[in-house]
Protein backbone atom coordinates (compact mmCIF):
# COMPACT_ATOMS: atom_id res chain seq x y z
CA MET A 1 9.02 105.82 132.18
CA ALA A 2 12.51 104.93 133.47
CA SER A 3 14.23 107.40 135.82
CA ILE A 4 17.57 109.12 135.17
CA ASP A 5 19.21 106.68 138.09
CA GLU A 6 18.19 103.84 136.56
CA LEU A 7 18.89 104.51 133.04
CA ARG A 8 22.62 105.83 134.32
CA THR A 9 22.59 102.33 135.59
CA THR A 10 21.54 100.45 132.41
CA ARG A 11 24.53 102.32 130.55
CA LEU A 12 26.93 101.72 133.21
CA ASN A 13 26.07 97.92 132.89
CA LYS A 14 26.90 98.47 129.01
CA LEU A 15 30.01 100.13 129.79
CA ALA A 16 31.04 96.81 131.65
CA LEU A 17 30.19 95.02 128.58
CA LEU A 18 32.32 97.02 126.34
CA GLU A 19 35.25 96.91 128.54
CA LYS A 20 34.64 92.96 128.91
CA ALA A 21 34.96 92.79 125.21
CA GLY A 22 38.20 94.59 125.17
CA MET A 23 36.94 97.96 123.76
CA ASP A 24 38.18 101.21 126.34
CA PRO A 25 34.99 103.33 126.60
CA TYR A 26 36.83 106.26 126.67
CA PRO A 27 40.06 106.02 124.27
CA ALA A 28 42.42 108.80 123.85
CA LYS A 29 42.53 108.60 119.97
CA VAL A 30 40.07 106.93 117.79
CA PRO A 31 40.18 106.56 113.81
CA ARG A 32 39.01 109.54 112.15
CA SER A 33 39.77 110.48 108.07
CA PHE A 34 38.11 113.68 107.94
CA CYS A 35 34.92 115.56 109.55
CA LEU A 36 31.43 115.26 108.45
CA GLU A 37 31.33 118.48 106.48
CA ASP A 38 34.14 117.10 104.14
CA ALA A 39 32.52 113.96 104.08
CA LYS A 40 29.71 115.51 102.31
CA LYS A 41 31.79 117.72 100.43
CA ASP A 42 34.24 114.81 99.07
CA PHE A 43 31.31 112.01 98.92
CA ALA A 44 31.68 111.59 95.00
CA GLN A 45 34.82 111.17 94.89
CA PHE A 46 35.11 108.66 97.79
CA GLU A 47 32.32 106.39 96.68
CA LYS A 48 33.61 106.25 93.26
CA SER A 49 37.22 105.04 94.58
CA ALA A 50 35.69 102.81 97.31
CA GLU A 51 38.31 103.66 99.45
CA LYS A 52 37.78 102.93 103.12
CA VAL A 53 37.42 106.05 105.60
CA SER A 54 36.93 106.36 109.18
CA LEU A 55 34.30 109.06 110.39
CA CYS A 56 33.08 110.22 114.08
CA GLY A 57 30.36 111.79 115.72
CA ARG A 58 27.53 111.51 118.44
CA ILE A 59 24.80 109.27 117.55
CA MET A 60 21.95 111.38 117.24
CA ALA A 61 19.16 108.77 116.09
CA ILE A 62 19.16 105.37 115.63
CA ARG A 63 16.56 103.61 113.31
CA GLY A 64 15.93 100.14 112.13
CA GLN A 65 16.09 96.91 113.77
CA GLY A 66 17.14 93.21 113.10
CA ALA A 67 19.79 92.63 110.39
CA ILE A 68 20.15 96.77 109.40
CA LEU A 69 20.13 100.03 111.26
CA PHE A 70 20.76 103.37 110.30
CA LEU A 71 22.76 106.06 112.31
CA VAL A 72 22.44 109.86 112.19
CA LEU A 73 26.25 110.88 113.52
CA ASP A 74 26.63 114.68 114.16
CA ASP A 75 30.08 116.40 114.71
CA GLY A 76 29.05 119.58 115.54
CA LYS A 77 29.29 120.74 111.95
CA ALA A 78 27.47 118.47 109.85
CA ALA A 79 25.44 115.33 110.03
CA PHE A 80 26.16 112.39 107.98
CA GLN A 81 24.47 108.72 107.67
CA ALA A 82 25.78 105.50 109.21
CA VAL A 83 24.59 102.02 107.83
CA ILE A 84 25.08 98.89 109.92
CA LYS A 85 24.36 95.97 108.22
CA LYS A 86 24.45 92.36 110.15
CA ASP A 87 26.02 90.58 106.98
CA VAL A 88 28.50 93.23 106.13
CA LEU A 89 29.95 93.88 109.58
CA ASP A 90 31.37 91.12 111.96
CA VAL A 91 28.44 89.53 113.75
CA ARG A 92 30.33 90.06 117.37
CA LEU A 93 30.81 93.69 116.25
CA PHE A 94 27.24 94.19 115.13
CA GLU A 95 26.06 92.31 118.60
CA LEU A 96 28.19 94.22 120.47
CA PHE A 97 26.81 97.39 118.70
CA THR A 98 23.10 96.46 119.27
CA ALA A 99 23.91 95.33 122.90
CA THR A 100 26.07 98.28 124.33
CA ILE A 101 25.34 101.85 122.14
CA ASP A 102 22.91 104.41 122.68
CA ILE A 103 21.80 107.59 121.29
CA GLY A 104 24.27 110.18 122.81
CA ASP A 105 27.32 107.83 122.22
CA ILE A 106 30.23 109.18 120.11
CA VAL A 107 31.67 106.48 117.83
CA SER A 108 33.91 105.85 115.21
CA VAL A 109 32.82 104.31 112.47
CA THR A 110 34.93 102.74 109.43
CA GLY A 111 33.69 101.74 105.98
CA THR A 112 33.05 102.69 102.19
CA PHE A 113 30.78 105.50 101.02
CA MET A 114 27.55 104.48 99.52
CA THR A 115 24.34 106.37 98.21
CA THR A 116 20.97 104.50 99.62
CA GLN A 117 17.84 103.44 97.62
CA ARG A 118 16.48 106.86 99.07
CA GLY A 119 19.33 108.68 97.70
CA GLU A 120 20.77 109.44 101.31
CA GLN A 121 25.19 109.57 101.28
CA SER A 122 26.11 107.30 103.71
CA ILE A 123 28.84 105.21 104.91
CA LEU A 124 28.42 101.19 104.99
CA VAL A 125 30.15 100.29 108.21
CA THR A 126 32.56 97.52 108.08
CA SER A 127 34.15 98.00 111.78
CA TRP A 128 33.42 100.33 114.55
CA THR A 129 34.87 101.64 117.77
CA ILE A 130 33.59 103.42 120.83
CA ALA A 131 35.06 106.91 121.33
CA VAL A 132 32.98 107.97 124.43
CA LYS A 133 30.04 105.73 126.14
CA ALA A 134 27.42 108.56 127.57
CA LEU A 135 25.99 107.49 130.98
CA LEU A 136 23.44 110.08 131.04
CA PRO A 137 20.73 110.48 128.09
CA LEU A 138 20.22 113.41 125.83
CA PRO A 139 17.26 115.24 126.29
CA GLU A 140 14.06 114.32 124.29
CA LYS A 141 14.49 115.12 120.69
CA TRP A 142 11.33 116.99 120.13
CA HIS A 143 10.90 118.90 123.00
CA GLY A 144 14.77 119.68 123.97
CA LEU A 145 15.24 121.53 127.10
CA THR A 146 12.13 123.52 127.73
CA ASP A 147 13.21 124.94 131.19
CA PRO A 148 15.09 128.54 130.22
CA ASP A 149 17.29 128.38 133.12
CA GLU A 150 18.27 124.43 132.57
CA LYS A 151 19.06 125.46 128.66
CA PHE A 152 21.65 128.21 130.29
CA ARG A 153 22.81 126.16 132.90
CA LYS A 154 23.43 123.02 130.57
CA ARG A 155 24.45 125.10 127.22
CA TYR A 156 26.17 122.07 126.09
CA LEU A 157 23.14 120.26 126.15
CA ASP A 158 21.38 123.05 124.44
CA PHE A 159 23.96 123.16 121.55
CA ILE A 160 24.09 119.32 121.14
CA MET A 161 20.43 119.64 120.47
CA ASP A 162 20.01 122.70 118.83
CA LYS A 163 22.16 123.39 115.59
CA ALA A 164 20.70 126.91 115.30
CA ALA A 165 22.17 127.96 118.79
CA ARG A 166 25.28 126.67 117.68
CA ASP A 167 25.25 128.48 114.24
CA ILE A 168 24.99 131.72 116.39
CA PHE A 169 28.34 131.61 117.93
CA TYR A 170 30.25 130.83 114.65
CA LYS A 171 28.20 134.15 113.41
CA LYS A 172 29.34 135.90 116.48
CA ALA A 173 32.72 135.00 115.93
CA LYS A 174 32.70 136.32 112.25
CA PHE A 175 31.15 139.33 113.70
CA TRP A 176 34.18 140.39 115.81
CA GLU A 177 36.53 139.25 113.17
CA VAL A 178 34.76 141.55 110.82
CA VAL A 179 35.36 144.12 113.44
CA ARG A 180 38.98 143.65 114.08
CA THR A 181 39.71 143.56 110.06
CA ILE A 182 37.80 146.81 109.60
CA MET A 183 39.92 148.75 112.40
CA LYS A 184 43.34 147.08 111.28
CA GLU A 185 42.55 147.96 107.53
CA GLU A 186 41.51 151.58 108.78
CA GLY A 187 45.18 151.76 110.43
CA PHE A 188 44.11 151.39 114.11
CA LEU A 189 46.81 149.48 116.50
CA GLU A 190 45.11 146.78 118.44
CA VAL A 191 46.31 147.33 122.45
CA GLU A 192 45.49 145.76 125.75
CA THR A 193 44.94 147.61 128.80
CA PRO A 194 44.30 146.64 132.37
CA THR A 195 41.41 145.16 133.48
CA LEU A 196 41.87 145.57 137.24
CA GLU A 197 41.94 149.46 138.03
CA THR A 198 42.43 151.42 141.34
CA THR A 199 39.63 153.79 139.81
CA THR A 200 37.03 152.61 137.21
CA GLY A 201 36.32 155.15 134.37
CA GLY A 202 35.19 155.59 130.87
CA ALA A 203 31.51 154.70 131.59
CA GLU A 204 28.72 155.48 134.54
CA ALA A 205 28.45 151.68 135.96
CA THR A 206 28.56 150.01 139.39
CA PRO A 207 31.70 148.23 139.37
CA PHE A 208 32.56 144.93 140.77
CA LYS A 209 35.44 145.10 143.93
CA THR A 210 38.12 142.73 144.78
CA HIS A 211 40.99 142.84 146.70
CA HIS A 212 44.59 142.71 145.44
CA ASN A 213 46.49 140.82 148.17
CA ASP A 214 49.78 141.13 147.04
CA HIS A 215 49.65 145.18 146.95
CA ASP A 216 46.89 144.73 149.96
CA MET A 217 44.63 147.27 148.24
CA ASP A 218 40.91 147.30 146.84
CA VAL A 219 40.71 147.07 143.12
CA PHE A 220 37.71 147.20 140.35
CA LEU A 221 37.09 145.48 137.39
CA ARG A 222 37.14 147.62 134.48
CA ILE A 223 33.74 148.90 133.45
CA SER A 224 35.17 150.01 129.51
CA VAL A 225 37.48 148.76 127.46
CA GLY A 226 40.66 150.98 128.81
CA GLU A 227 38.97 154.30 127.74
CA LEU A 228 41.22 156.56 129.95
CA TRP A 229 44.29 154.10 129.55
CA GLN A 230 43.95 154.52 125.82
CA LYS A 231 43.60 158.52 125.83
CA ARG A 232 46.95 158.19 127.36
CA LEU A 233 48.29 156.50 124.33
CA MET A 234 46.85 159.02 122.57
CA ALA A 235 48.73 161.63 124.37
CA GLY A 236 51.81 159.15 124.26
CA GLY A 237 52.12 159.44 120.53
CA PHE A 238 49.92 156.84 119.32
CA PRO A 239 47.19 158.15 116.57
CA LYS A 240 44.95 154.80 116.31
CA THR A 241 44.25 152.35 118.93
CA PHE A 242 41.46 150.00 119.77
CA GLU A 243 41.03 146.98 121.92
CA ILE A 244 37.98 144.23 121.91
CA GLY A 245 37.91 143.06 125.43
CA ARG A 246 35.47 142.16 128.30
CA VAL A 247 33.83 144.55 130.59
CA TYR A 248 32.29 144.16 133.94
CA ARG A 249 29.03 146.31 135.28
CA ASN A 250 27.73 145.04 138.77
CA GLU A 251 24.11 145.95 137.65
CA GLY A 252 20.52 144.65 137.02
CA SER A 253 19.85 142.30 134.03
CA SER A 254 17.60 142.69 131.03
CA PRO A 255 17.45 141.16 127.33
CA GLU A 256 19.71 144.09 126.71
CA HIS A 257 21.95 144.17 129.53
CA MET A 258 24.76 141.77 130.76
CA GLN A 259 27.23 141.78 133.91
CA GLU A 260 30.01 140.83 131.77
CA PHE A 261 30.05 141.00 127.78
CA THR A 262 32.55 141.96 125.19
CA ASN A 263 33.09 145.46 123.88
CA LEU A 264 35.27 147.14 121.49
CA GLU A 265 36.57 150.78 121.90
CA PHE A 266 38.87 153.03 119.50
CA TYR A 267 40.59 156.27 119.77
CA TRP A 268 41.45 158.47 116.75
CA SER A 269 43.43 161.41 117.23
CA TYR A 270 42.81 164.62 115.23
CA ALA A 271 39.38 163.76 114.65
CA ASP A 272 36.18 164.69 116.17
CA TYR A 273 32.50 163.26 116.59
CA ASN A 274 31.48 164.27 112.80
CA ASP A 275 34.22 161.95 111.94
CA GLY A 276 33.15 159.06 114.29
CA MET A 277 29.66 159.03 113.01
CA GLU A 278 30.55 158.91 109.38
CA PHE A 279 33.15 156.34 110.37
CA VAL A 280 30.64 154.18 112.70
CA THR A 281 28.05 154.49 109.61
CA ARG A 282 30.22 152.58 107.36
CA MET A 283 31.52 150.26 109.93
CA TYR A 284 28.12 149.05 110.74
CA ARG A 285 26.82 148.77 107.36
CA ARG A 286 29.87 146.38 106.56
CA ILE A 287 29.31 144.73 109.57
CA ALA A 288 25.56 143.91 108.77
CA THR A 289 26.67 142.91 104.94
CA GLU A 290 29.77 140.82 105.68
CA VAL A 291 28.09 138.82 108.78
CA PHE A 292 24.55 138.72 107.94
CA GLY A 293 24.18 139.56 104.32
CA THR A 294 21.62 142.06 104.35
CA THR A 295 21.27 145.92 105.69
CA LYS A 296 17.81 145.13 106.48
CA PHE A 297 16.70 143.99 110.04
CA THR A 298 13.77 143.55 112.63
CA TYR A 299 14.17 143.74 116.16
CA LYS A 300 11.38 143.28 118.66
CA GLU A 301 8.54 145.71 116.90
CA HIS A 302 11.26 147.53 114.93
CA THR A 303 12.38 147.04 111.60
CA PHE A 304 15.14 149.37 109.96
CA ASP A 305 17.83 149.36 107.08
CA LEU A 306 21.30 150.45 107.84
CA ALA A 307 21.79 151.56 104.17
CA ASP A 308 19.31 154.15 104.91
CA GLU A 309 20.24 157.76 105.58
CA TRP A 310 21.01 158.29 109.37
CA VAL A 311 19.27 160.96 110.90
CA LYS A 312 20.26 163.10 113.81
CA ILE A 313 18.27 163.34 116.83
CA ASP A 314 18.49 166.54 119.33
CA TYR A 315 18.46 164.99 122.67
CA ALA A 316 16.20 167.66 124.34
CA LEU A 317 14.19 168.38 121.61
CA GLU A 318 13.27 164.79 121.14
CA ILE A 319 12.37 164.63 124.83
CA LEU A 320 10.32 167.79 124.48
CA LYS A 321 8.66 166.14 121.56
CA GLN A 322 7.70 163.05 123.00
CA THR A 323 6.75 164.04 126.73
CA ASN A 324 6.35 167.66 126.72
CA ILE A 325 9.24 168.33 129.19
CA ASP A 326 12.03 170.60 128.53
CA ILE A 327 14.96 169.33 130.23
CA HIS A 328 16.72 172.75 130.75
CA LYS A 329 13.99 174.33 132.23
CA ALA A 330 11.95 171.84 134.23
CA THR A 331 12.12 171.17 137.97
CA ASP A 332 13.28 167.65 139.36
CA GLU A 333 9.54 167.50 140.95
CA GLU A 334 8.20 168.49 137.20
CA ILE A 335 9.98 165.41 135.67
CA VAL A 336 8.90 163.32 138.62
CA GLU A 337 5.36 163.93 137.92
CA ARG A 338 5.82 163.02 134.13
CA LEU A 339 7.51 160.08 134.76
CA ARG A 340 4.77 159.23 136.93
CA SER A 341 2.05 159.89 134.65
CA LEU A 342 3.68 157.43 131.91
CA LYS A 343 4.11 154.90 134.56
CA VAL A 344 7.78 155.12 134.34
CA GLY A 345 10.04 153.78 136.80
CA TYR A 346 12.55 156.00 137.89
CA ASP A 347 15.76 156.29 140.47
CA GLY A 348 15.15 159.92 141.81
CA LEU A 349 18.77 159.88 143.42
CA ASN A 350 19.80 163.08 140.88
CA ARG A 351 18.38 165.29 138.06
CA GLU A 352 20.95 162.94 135.98
CA ARG A 353 19.13 159.95 136.43
CA LEU A 354 15.84 161.37 136.08
CA VAL A 355 16.92 163.20 132.94
CA ASP A 356 18.21 159.61 131.57
CA THR A 357 15.29 157.77 132.73
CA LEU A 358 13.10 160.30 130.58
CA TRP A 359 15.42 159.69 127.45
CA LYS A 360 15.47 155.78 127.86
CA TYR A 361 11.42 156.30 127.76
CA CYS A 362 11.75 157.99 124.61
CA ARG A 363 14.16 156.12 122.87
CA LYS A 364 12.33 152.89 122.53
CA ASN A 365 9.86 154.82 120.29
CA ILE A 366 12.74 155.21 117.68
CA ALA A 367 13.46 152.63 115.01
CA GLY A 368 16.64 154.44 113.59
CA PRO A 369 19.06 154.32 112.23
CA ALA A 370 19.74 157.71 113.79
CA PHE A 371 22.47 159.27 115.60
CA LEU A 372 21.51 161.01 119.25
CA ILE A 373 23.06 164.12 119.67
CA ASN A 374 23.50 167.36 121.69
CA HIS A 375 23.30 165.60 125.10
CA PRO A 376 23.15 167.64 128.05
CA VAL A 377 26.80 168.00 130.06
CA LEU A 378 25.61 166.14 133.18
CA VAL A 379 25.12 162.80 131.40
CA ALA A 380 28.61 163.15 129.46
CA PRO A 381 31.35 163.77 131.63
CA LEU A 382 34.36 162.79 129.21
CA ALA A 383 33.14 164.62 126.33
CA LYS A 384 33.84 167.98 125.03
CA ARG A 385 31.42 170.83 124.98
CA VAL A 386 29.81 172.16 121.91
CA SER A 387 30.68 175.79 121.22
CA GLU A 388 28.40 178.47 120.75
CA ALA A 389 29.16 178.48 117.03
CA GLY A 390 28.81 174.43 116.92
CA SER A 391 25.10 175.09 118.54
CA LYS A 392 24.10 177.73 116.26
CA ILE A 393 24.76 175.41 113.21
CA MET A 394 23.16 172.72 114.81
CA ASN A 395 20.12 174.97 115.28
CA GLU A 396 19.95 175.13 111.74
CA ASN A 397 19.90 171.42 111.17
CA GLY A 398 17.17 170.93 113.88
CA GLY A 399 19.24 171.50 116.98
CA ASN A 400 18.18 174.01 119.40
CA GLY A 401 21.17 176.16 119.79
CA TYR A 402 21.35 176.05 123.84
CA SER A 403 24.88 175.92 125.42
CA GLY A 404 25.66 173.24 128.03
CA VAL A 405 25.39 170.49 125.75
CA VAL A 406 28.33 168.01 124.54
CA GLN A 407 29.96 166.41 121.45
CA MET A 408 28.57 163.02 121.71
CA PHE A 409 26.94 160.93 119.70
CA GLN A 410 25.16 157.63 119.89
CA PRO A 411 23.28 155.16 117.38
CA ILE A 412 19.72 154.49 118.01
CA ILE A 413 18.55 151.44 116.64
CA ALA A 414 15.22 149.32 116.78
CA GLY A 415 14.74 151.62 120.34
CA SER A 416 18.17 150.71 121.78
CA GLU A 417 21.60 152.59 122.07
CA ILE A 418 24.04 150.50 119.85
CA GLY A 419 27.21 152.55 121.03
CA ARG A 420 28.84 155.49 122.27
CA GLY A 421 31.31 158.58 121.40
CA TYR A 422 32.76 161.52 122.05
CA SER A 423 34.98 164.17 120.66
CA GLU A 424 36.92 163.79 123.94
CA LEU A 425 37.17 166.20 126.21
CA ASN A 426 40.94 167.20 126.37
CA ASP A 427 40.77 170.38 128.95
CA PRO A 428 42.11 169.52 131.92
CA ILE A 429 40.52 172.39 133.88
CA ASP A 430 37.13 171.19 132.82
CA GLN A 431 37.82 167.85 133.04
CA ARG A 432 38.81 168.00 136.70
CA LYS A 433 35.58 170.13 137.34
CA ARG A 434 33.41 167.47 135.97
CA PHE A 435 35.04 164.55 138.24
CA GLU A 436 34.22 166.83 141.11
CA ASP A 437 30.75 166.95 140.01
CA GLN A 438 30.64 163.22 139.60
CA ALA A 439 32.51 162.82 142.75
CA ARG A 440 29.72 164.79 144.46
CA LEU A 441 27.06 162.10 142.94
CA LEU A 442 29.06 159.33 144.35
CA LYS A 443 28.92 160.82 147.57
CA GLY A 444 25.11 161.16 147.62
CA GLY A 445 24.60 157.43 146.94
CA ASP A 446 24.69 157.25 143.23
CA THR A 447 26.75 154.28 142.72
CA GLU A 448 26.99 154.40 138.97
CA ALA A 449 28.51 158.23 138.96
CA MET A 450 31.89 157.97 137.60
CA MET A 451 35.09 157.95 140.21
CA ALA A 452 37.68 160.99 139.76
CA ASP A 453 41.14 159.93 138.32
CA ASP A 454 43.81 162.56 139.02
CA GLU A 455 46.67 160.80 137.36
CA PHE A 456 44.10 160.97 134.30
CA VAL A 457 43.79 164.81 134.65
CA GLU A 458 47.63 165.19 135.14
CA MET A 459 48.02 163.56 131.80
CA LEU A 460 45.58 165.98 129.83
CA GLU A 461 47.69 168.74 131.55
CA HIS A 462 50.68 167.56 129.45
CA GLY A 463 48.43 167.71 126.43
CA MET A 464 46.05 165.00 124.56
CA PRO A 465 45.29 165.97 121.30
CA PRO A 466 41.95 166.36 119.74
CA THR A 467 40.43 162.67 119.55
CA CYS A 468 37.27 160.72 118.51
CA GLY A 469 36.65 157.88 120.73
CA TYR A 470 33.75 154.99 120.35
CA GLY A 471 32.64 152.02 121.92
CA PHE A 472 30.10 149.45 121.08
CA GLY A 473 29.75 145.91 122.18
CA GLU A 474 27.84 142.65 121.84
CA ARG A 475 24.34 144.53 121.95
CA LEU A 476 24.76 145.31 118.23
CA PHE A 477 25.37 141.75 117.62
CA ALA A 478 22.04 140.62 119.73
CA VAL A 479 20.01 143.23 118.00
CA LEU A 480 21.28 142.33 114.47
CA THR A 481 20.29 138.42 115.37
CA ASN A 482 17.01 139.43 116.83
CA LYS A 483 17.86 137.93 120.24
CA PRO A 484 18.09 138.59 123.91
CA LEU A 485 21.68 139.33 124.93
CA ARG A 486 21.49 136.44 127.07
CA GLU A 487 20.85 134.16 124.07
CA VAL A 488 24.13 135.20 122.66
CA THR A 489 26.21 134.67 125.35
CA MET A 490 27.69 131.01 125.41
CA PHE A 491 27.62 131.02 129.11
CA PRO A 492 25.80 133.42 130.87
CA LEU A 493 26.16 133.73 134.97
CA MET A 494 23.53 131.73 136.26
CA LYS A 495 22.41 131.72 140.06
CA GLY A 496 23.29 128.48 142.13
CA LYS A 497 20.67 125.88 141.83
CA GLY A 498 18.00 126.67 144.33
CA LYS A 499 18.41 130.18 144.59
CA GLU A 500 16.48 131.58 141.73
């Protein structure tokens, strides 16, 4: 078998032959009447008229030999067959084709439509020209890119060889299109907020840090889609806002975690988390129906139907049920002991991380759809507290009536958290105290704790209306597609070669 270098040298020689024959191997434009998808759609019309047309595509296969060749052309949206006959094509063009063209080259062919004896829609080629001479071969057809890292590093080859991989991103584009349509139909204004911040807010995550040369100061890439900025808009008199944008978190990778991803966040004045849960239920069902054509899905070991009733799960009661730990009474040592017995790795920096780790263990066992509610205050520094009266109402519906919980909700689907929302905290005194608590965690070494934002608290002192805020991201699309997050990311960040 020839080496890559030998194959490249052979193709360079063929390129020289094209140039000698007067063909530019990389022209700026070549004849093209329409795309291959339209060729299929309008085939009967053009076959009947015998009108000459020009089609373009990458050659994915060449069959036949001698006086007749069959090519498979692919332009990314469709494939189409081209037939080259020595007694139809000018003999010099036929010989030039056989001497210079390889699988992987991109060509323009001109001719008339015909149906082969096997019933294959085809174009009978009367002339052709090169569009791009490929100097390197495509991966072997039947095995493709077998190295997962190489697949993502050379994603363009993955897309050339795997139509299903391309189709994911057409569906993903539709996913965000449907989300944007829903938000606008519901009266939300699309906004843009800063991606560079002096303090990060809106989530608990380790940020990426960089330096702003003009202002000579350190700044951070945002970890949420402008949560604290959109709340300022609520105070400023914008009743409903949303943003779809990129988010950056300097943390570990997993099938459900990336350092860079797209999120939606919306803020809705004079609404609370009950309104948010009703809206999110409708939204997710509509996304599923319009993008995937179903509400029934499988992800990992879970199957779920978004059309089912979305049950409400109490945070502490579910942990108690699955682990026999009461997070409101257990000591840190008891939680650590239970995590060890469950063989769950944990970060023992503080109680918040220990409790969160317990919950994540429990979450994996819930198929959903469900809403997790009644989170303890320590895991939700931006959410409004549940009143005593509210707690008692929840107690009658499966809650436990304790104080110190917040009006937060998270959809749980297939063992994953697929979004997060609150009745937003608008009490400036309470918010300042919670920022102070988070500052102590940061000082203690918890890099995911939230930074204090005094200017945000000042805004609250001017008055922000009661507001429901909510955010979700690409994880929802990944779960509904039954793929790891990396596979639904066009170009995931890869380590430099030799550093894996």
